Amino acid sequence: MVVIRCWQDVRGRKPVKEWLADLRQHDRGGALAVDRLLTKLAKAGRLLVLPDVRFLGDDLWELRDRTTGPGYRVYYTWVDESLVVLLVAGEKSTQDRDIKKARRRLENSGSGDGKQ
């Protein structure tokens, strides 16, 4: 089973965790879809493939919900074979901006352990 952690900033905030909590308040169906995908990732690990997951290059991956209207996305990296760090989450409409943000977080984290 893969361990999934959320990236945190220098103040200890975990934006993906906050995004998921907000999603659970405002879009229960979308939150359930994202939770199902995270569970699939935890169980299948690197065996999870398209259409659920897309490799973006440079250690960055995209978890894709294609069942809800906004098309929720979660961007993550593998630290090792049993640890994933969630970097950014958003919708299809903010995909370009979210990918840039995920790449910055990945570059700034250095060790990939989820901390800046």
N, C-alpha and C. Protein backbone atom coordinates (compact mmCIF):
# COMPACT_ATOMS: atom_id res chain seq x y z
N MET A 1 0.85 -1.18 0.00
CA MET A 1 0.00 0.00 0.00
C MET A 1 0.89 1.24 0.00
N VAL A 2 0.52 2.21 -0.82
CA VAL A 2 1.27 3.45 -0.94
C VAL A 2 0.78 4.44 0.13
N VAL A 3 1.72 5.11 0.77
CA VAL A 3 1.41 6.17 1.73
C VAL A 3 1.27 7.47 0.94
N ILE A 4 0.21 8.20 1.21
CA ILE A 4 -0.02 9.48 0.53
C ILE A 4 0.06 10.60 1.56
N ARG A 5 0.96 11.56 1.29
CA ARG A 5 1.10 12.73 2.16
C ARG A 5 0.86 13.99 1.35
N CYS A 6 0.53 15.06 2.05
CA CYS A 6 0.34 16.35 1.40
C CYS A 6 1.57 17.22 1.59
N TRP A 7 1.95 17.90 0.52
CA TRP A 7 3.03 18.89 0.59
C TRP A 7 2.63 19.95 1.59
N GLN A 8 3.63 20.48 2.34
CA GLN A 8 3.32 21.56 3.26
C GLN A 8 4.32 22.69 3.07
N ASP A 9 3.85 23.92 3.29
CA ASP A 9 4.73 25.07 3.13
C ASP A 9 5.52 25.31 4.42
N VAL A 10 6.33 26.35 4.43
CA VAL A 10 7.20 26.61 5.57
C VAL A 10 6.43 26.95 6.85
N ARG A 11 5.17 27.37 6.70
CA ARG A 11 4.33 27.66 7.87
C ARG A 11 3.54 26.45 8.34
N GLY A 12 3.74 25.33 7.65
CA GLY A 12 3.03 24.11 8.04
C GLY A 12 1.66 23.94 7.40
N ARG A 13 1.28 24.87 6.50
CA ARG A 13 0.00 24.74 5.80
C ARG A 13 0.09 23.65 4.75
N LYS A 14 -1.01 22.95 4.57
CA LYS A 14 -1.10 21.89 3.57
C LYS A 14 -2.23 22.24 2.61
N PRO A 15 -1.90 22.98 1.53
CA PRO A 15 -2.95 23.46 0.63
C PRO A 15 -3.82 22.37 0.02
N VAL A 16 -3.28 21.22 -0.31
CA VAL A 16 -4.11 20.16 -0.90
C VAL A 16 -5.09 19.63 0.14
N LYS A 17 -4.64 19.47 1.35
CA LYS A 17 -5.54 19.02 2.43
C LYS A 17 -6.66 20.03 2.64
N GLU A 18 -6.32 21.32 2.60
CA GLU A 18 -7.33 22.37 2.75
C GLU A 18 -8.31 22.35 1.57
N TRP A 19 -7.78 22.14 0.35
CA TRP A 19 -8.62 22.08 -0.84
C TRP A 19 -9.60 20.92 -0.73
N LEU A 20 -9.11 19.77 -0.29
CA LEU A 20 -9.99 18.59 -0.14
C LEU A 20 -11.07 18.85 0.91
N ALA A 21 -10.72 19.49 2.02
CA ALA A 21 -11.71 19.79 3.06
C ALA A 21 -12.78 20.74 2.51
N ASP A 22 -12.35 21.75 1.75
CA ASP A 22 -13.30 22.69 1.15
C ASP A 22 -14.19 21.98 0.12
N LEU A 23 -13.59 21.09 -0.66
CA LEU A 23 -14.36 20.35 -1.65
C LEU A 23 -15.44 19.50 -0.98
N ARG A 24 -15.10 18.88 0.15
CA ARG A 24 -16.08 18.05 0.87
C ARG A 24 -17.27 18.88 1.35
N GLN A 25 -17.04 20.17 1.62
CA GLN A 25 -18.11 21.05 2.07
C GLN A 25 -19.01 21.51 0.91
N HIS A 26 -18.42 21.68 -0.27
CA HIS A 26 -19.14 22.32 -1.38
C HIS A 26 -19.51 21.40 -2.54
N ASP A 27 -18.84 20.27 -2.66
CA ASP A 27 -19.14 19.34 -3.76
C ASP A 27 -18.88 17.92 -3.28
N ARG A 28 -19.86 17.39 -2.59
CA ARG A 28 -19.69 16.04 -2.00
C ARG A 28 -19.43 14.98 -3.06
N GLY A 29 -20.12 15.07 -4.19
CA GLY A 29 -19.92 14.10 -5.26
C GLY A 29 -18.51 14.18 -5.83
N GLY A 30 -18.04 15.38 -6.03
CA GLY A 30 -16.67 15.57 -6.51
C GLY A 30 -15.65 15.09 -5.51
N ALA A 31 -15.92 15.37 -4.23
CA ALA A 31 -15.01 14.92 -3.17
C ALA A 31 -14.95 13.40 -3.13
N LEU A 32 -16.10 12.75 -3.28
CA LEU A 32 -16.12 11.28 -3.30
C LEU A 32 -15.33 10.74 -4.48
N ALA A 33 -15.46 11.40 -5.64
CA ALA A 33 -14.72 10.97 -6.83
C ALA A 33 -13.21 11.09 -6.60
N VAL A 34 -12.77 12.21 -6.03
CA VAL A 34 -11.35 12.41 -5.75
C VAL A 34 -10.87 11.41 -4.70
N ASP A 35 -11.68 11.19 -3.66
CA ASP A 35 -11.31 10.21 -2.62
C ASP A 35 -11.16 8.81 -3.22
N ARG A 36 -12.05 8.46 -4.15
CA ARG A 36 -11.95 7.14 -4.81
C ARG A 36 -10.64 7.03 -5.60
N LEU A 37 -10.29 8.10 -6.29
CA LEU A 37 -9.03 8.09 -7.05
C LEU A 37 -7.82 7.98 -6.13
N LEU A 38 -7.84 8.69 -5.01
CA LEU A 38 -6.73 8.61 -4.06
C LEU A 38 -6.63 7.21 -3.47
N THR A 39 -7.77 6.58 -3.22
CA THR A 39 -7.77 5.20 -2.72
C THR A 39 -7.20 4.26 -3.78
N LYS A 40 -7.59 4.46 -5.03
CA LYS A 40 -7.05 3.63 -6.11
C LYS A 40 -5.53 3.80 -6.21
N LEU A 41 -5.06 5.03 -6.07
CA LEU A 41 -3.63 5.30 -6.12
C LEU A 41 -2.92 4.60 -4.97
N ALA A 42 -3.50 4.68 -3.77
CA ALA A 42 -2.89 4.04 -2.60
C ALA A 42 -2.82 2.53 -2.78
N LYS A 43 -3.83 1.94 -3.39
CA LYS A 43 -3.86 0.48 -3.55
C LYS A 43 -3.03 0.00 -4.74
N ALA A 44 -3.13 0.71 -5.88
CA ALA A 44 -2.49 0.24 -7.10
C ALA A 44 -1.08 0.79 -7.29
N GLY A 45 -0.79 1.93 -6.65
CA GLY A 45 0.54 2.52 -6.80
C GLY A 45 0.83 2.86 -8.26
N ARG A 46 2.03 2.52 -8.69
CA ARG A 46 2.46 2.84 -10.06
C ARG A 46 1.71 2.05 -11.13
N LEU A 47 0.91 1.07 -10.72
CA LEU A 47 0.13 0.31 -11.69
C LEU A 47 -1.10 1.07 -12.18
N LEU A 48 -1.45 2.16 -11.48
CA LEU A 48 -2.58 2.98 -11.91
C LEU A 48 -2.16 3.78 -13.15
N VAL A 49 -2.94 3.68 -14.22
CA VAL A 49 -2.56 4.29 -15.49
C VAL A 49 -3.73 5.10 -16.07
N LEU A 50 -3.55 5.58 -17.31
CA LEU A 50 -4.61 6.29 -18.01
C LEU A 50 -5.90 5.48 -17.99
N PRO A 51 -7.03 6.08 -17.87
CA PRO A 51 -7.28 7.51 -17.88
C PRO A 51 -7.19 8.16 -16.50
N ASP A 52 -6.92 7.39 -15.45
CA ASP A 52 -6.89 7.95 -14.09
C ASP A 52 -5.64 8.78 -13.82
N VAL A 53 -4.53 8.39 -14.41
CA VAL A 53 -3.25 9.02 -14.13
C VAL A 53 -2.55 9.36 -15.43
N ARG A 54 -1.88 10.52 -15.44
CA ARG A 54 -1.08 10.90 -16.61
C ARG A 54 0.26 11.41 -16.12
N PHE A 55 1.35 10.90 -16.72
CA PHE A 55 2.70 11.36 -16.40
C PHE A 55 2.96 12.64 -17.16
N LEU A 56 3.41 13.69 -16.44
CA LEU A 56 3.65 14.99 -17.05
C LEU A 56 5.13 15.27 -17.28
N GLY A 57 5.99 14.34 -16.88
CA GLY A 57 7.43 14.54 -17.03
C GLY A 57 8.04 15.12 -15.77
N ASP A 58 9.36 14.95 -15.65
CA ASP A 58 10.11 15.52 -14.52
C ASP A 58 9.52 15.16 -13.16
N ASP A 59 9.19 13.91 -12.96
CA ASP A 59 8.68 13.40 -11.68
C ASP A 59 7.31 13.94 -11.28
N LEU A 60 6.58 14.51 -12.20
CA LEU A 60 5.26 15.07 -11.89
C LEU A 60 4.17 14.23 -12.56
N TRP A 61 3.13 13.91 -11.78
CA TRP A 61 2.01 13.09 -12.23
C TRP A 61 0.71 13.82 -11.98
N GLU A 62 -0.29 13.49 -12.78
CA GLU A 62 -1.61 14.10 -12.65
C GLU A 62 -2.64 13.01 -12.42
N LEU A 63 -3.36 13.12 -11.31
CA LEU A 63 -4.49 12.23 -11.01
C LEU A 63 -5.73 12.94 -11.54
N ARG A 64 -6.51 12.27 -12.38
CA ARG A 64 -7.58 12.93 -13.14
C ARG A 64 -8.95 12.34 -12.84
N ASP A 65 -9.83 13.20 -12.33
CA ASP A 65 -11.23 12.81 -12.18
C ASP A 65 -11.94 13.22 -13.46
N ARG A 66 -12.48 12.25 -14.14
CA ARG A 66 -13.18 12.53 -15.39
C ARG A 66 -14.66 12.23 -15.26
N THR A 67 -15.15 12.12 -14.02
CA THR A 67 -16.55 11.76 -13.80
C THR A 67 -17.41 12.93 -13.35
N THR A 68 -16.79 14.03 -12.93
CA THR A 68 -17.54 15.18 -12.45
C THR A 68 -17.36 16.35 -13.41
N GLY A 69 -18.26 17.30 -13.34
CA GLY A 69 -18.24 18.44 -14.24
C GLY A 69 -16.93 19.21 -14.32
N PRO A 70 -16.37 19.65 -13.17
CA PRO A 70 -15.16 20.48 -13.24
C PRO A 70 -13.90 19.73 -13.66
N GLY A 71 -13.91 18.43 -13.60
CA GLY A 71 -12.71 17.67 -13.94
C GLY A 71 -11.58 17.92 -12.95
N TYR A 72 -11.79 17.49 -11.72
CA TYR A 72 -10.80 17.73 -10.67
C TYR A 72 -9.49 17.05 -10.99
N ARG A 73 -8.38 17.71 -10.59
CA ARG A 73 -7.03 17.21 -10.81
C ARG A 73 -6.25 17.30 -9.51
N VAL A 74 -5.39 16.31 -9.28
CA VAL A 74 -4.45 16.36 -8.16
C VAL A 74 -3.08 16.04 -8.73
N TYR A 75 -2.11 16.91 -8.48
CA TYR A 75 -0.75 16.75 -9.00
C TYR A 75 0.14 16.24 -7.89
N TYR A 76 0.95 15.24 -8.22
CA TYR A 76 1.75 14.58 -7.19
C TYR A 76 3.08 14.11 -7.73
N THR A 77 3.94 13.70 -6.81
CA THR A 77 5.23 13.12 -7.16
C THR A 77 5.46 11.88 -6.32
N TRP A 78 6.27 10.99 -6.84
CA TRP A 78 6.69 9.79 -6.11
C TRP A 78 8.00 10.10 -5.39
N VAL A 79 8.06 9.84 -4.09
CA VAL A 79 9.30 9.99 -3.33
C VAL A 79 10.09 8.69 -3.44
N ASP A 80 9.39 7.58 -3.29
CA ASP A 80 9.95 6.26 -3.52
C ASP A 80 8.78 5.35 -3.88
N GLU A 81 8.98 4.06 -3.94
CA GLU A 81 7.94 3.15 -4.39
C GLU A 81 6.73 3.07 -3.46
N SER A 82 6.86 3.59 -2.24
CA SER A 82 5.76 3.48 -1.30
C SER A 82 5.27 4.82 -0.74
N LEU A 83 5.76 5.94 -1.31
CA LEU A 83 5.38 7.25 -0.79
C LEU A 83 5.10 8.23 -1.92
N VAL A 84 3.91 8.83 -1.88
CA VAL A 84 3.48 9.86 -2.81
C VAL A 84 3.24 11.14 -2.03
N VAL A 85 3.64 12.28 -2.63
CA VAL A 85 3.35 13.59 -2.03
C VAL A 85 2.44 14.35 -2.98
N LEU A 86 1.28 14.75 -2.47
CA LEU A 86 0.32 15.55 -3.23
C LEU A 86 0.78 17.00 -3.20
N LEU A 87 0.98 17.61 -4.37
CA LEU A 87 1.55 18.94 -4.46
C LEU A 87 0.51 20.04 -4.64
N VAL A 88 -0.44 19.82 -5.52
CA VAL A 88 -1.44 20.84 -5.86
C VAL A 88 -2.72 20.12 -6.28
N ALA A 89 -3.85 20.78 -6.07
CA ALA A 89 -5.13 20.24 -6.54
C ALA A 89 -5.93 21.38 -7.14
N GLY A 90 -6.78 21.03 -8.10
CA GLY A 90 -7.60 22.06 -8.75
C GLY A 90 -8.55 21.43 -9.74
N GLU A 91 -8.98 22.25 -10.69
CA GLU A 91 -9.92 21.82 -11.71
C GLU A 91 -9.26 21.88 -13.08
N LYS A 92 -9.90 21.27 -14.04
CA LYS A 92 -9.41 21.29 -15.42
C LYS A 92 -9.20 22.73 -15.90
N SER A 93 -10.09 23.63 -15.49
CA SER A 93 -10.01 25.02 -15.94
C SER A 93 -8.77 25.75 -15.42
N THR A 94 -8.17 25.27 -14.33
CA THR A 94 -6.97 25.92 -13.77
C THR A 94 -5.73 25.04 -13.96
N GLN A 95 -5.83 24.09 -14.86
CA GLN A 95 -4.80 23.08 -15.06
C GLN A 95 -3.42 23.68 -15.35
N ASP A 96 -3.31 24.61 -16.29
CA ASP A 96 -2.00 25.17 -16.64
C ASP A 96 -1.34 25.84 -15.44
N ARG A 97 -2.11 26.67 -14.74
CA ARG A 97 -1.57 27.35 -13.56
C ARG A 97 -1.20 26.35 -12.47
N ASP A 98 -2.03 25.34 -12.27
CA ASP A 98 -1.77 24.34 -11.23
C ASP A 98 -0.52 23.51 -11.54
N ILE A 99 -0.31 23.18 -12.80
CA ILE A 99 0.88 22.42 -13.17
C ILE A 99 2.13 23.25 -12.91
N LYS A 100 2.10 24.53 -13.25
CA LYS A 100 3.26 25.40 -12.97
C LYS A 100 3.53 25.47 -11.48
N LYS A 101 2.48 25.60 -10.69
CA LYS A 101 2.63 25.66 -9.23
C LYS A 101 3.20 24.34 -8.70
N ALA A 102 2.71 23.22 -9.22
CA ALA A 102 3.21 21.91 -8.79
C ALA A 102 4.68 21.76 -9.13
N ARG A 103 5.09 22.20 -10.31
CA ARG A 103 6.51 22.13 -10.70
C ARG A 103 7.38 22.97 -9.78
N ARG A 104 6.90 24.17 -9.42
CA ARG A 104 7.66 25.02 -8.49
C ARG A 104 7.80 24.34 -7.13
N ARG A 105 6.72 23.77 -6.63
CA ARG A 105 6.78 23.10 -5.33
C ARG A 105 7.72 21.90 -5.39
N LEU A 106 7.67 21.17 -6.47
CA LEU A 106 8.54 20.01 -6.63
C LEU A 106 10.00 20.46 -6.67
N GLU A 107 10.31 21.51 -7.42
CA GLU A 107 11.68 22.02 -7.50
C GLU A 107 12.15 22.55 -6.15
N ASN A 108 11.29 23.26 -5.43
CA ASN A 108 11.68 23.86 -4.15
C ASN A 108 11.79 22.86 -3.02
N SER A 109 11.09 21.73 -3.15
CA SER A 109 11.13 20.74 -2.06
C SER A 109 12.44 19.98 -2.04
N GLY A 110 13.12 19.91 -3.18
CA GLY A 110 14.42 19.26 -3.24
C GLY A 110 14.37 17.78 -2.96
N SER A 111 14.16 17.43 -1.71
CA SER A 111 14.20 16.03 -1.31
C SER A 111 12.94 15.28 -1.71
N GLY A 112 11.87 16.02 -2.06
CA GLY A 112 10.63 15.37 -2.43
C GLY A 112 9.90 14.75 -1.25
N ASP A 113 10.25 15.17 -0.04
CA ASP A 113 9.62 14.56 1.14
C ASP A 113 8.34 15.26 1.57
N GLY A 114 7.91 16.24 0.77
CA GLY A 114 6.66 16.90 1.09
C GLY A 114 6.83 18.17 1.88
N LYS A 115 8.06 18.52 2.21
CA LYS A 115 8.31 19.75 2.96
C LYS A 115 9.18 20.67 2.12
N GLN A 116 8.96 21.95 2.31
CA GLN A 116 9.73 22.94 1.58
C GLN A 116 11.04 23.20 2.28
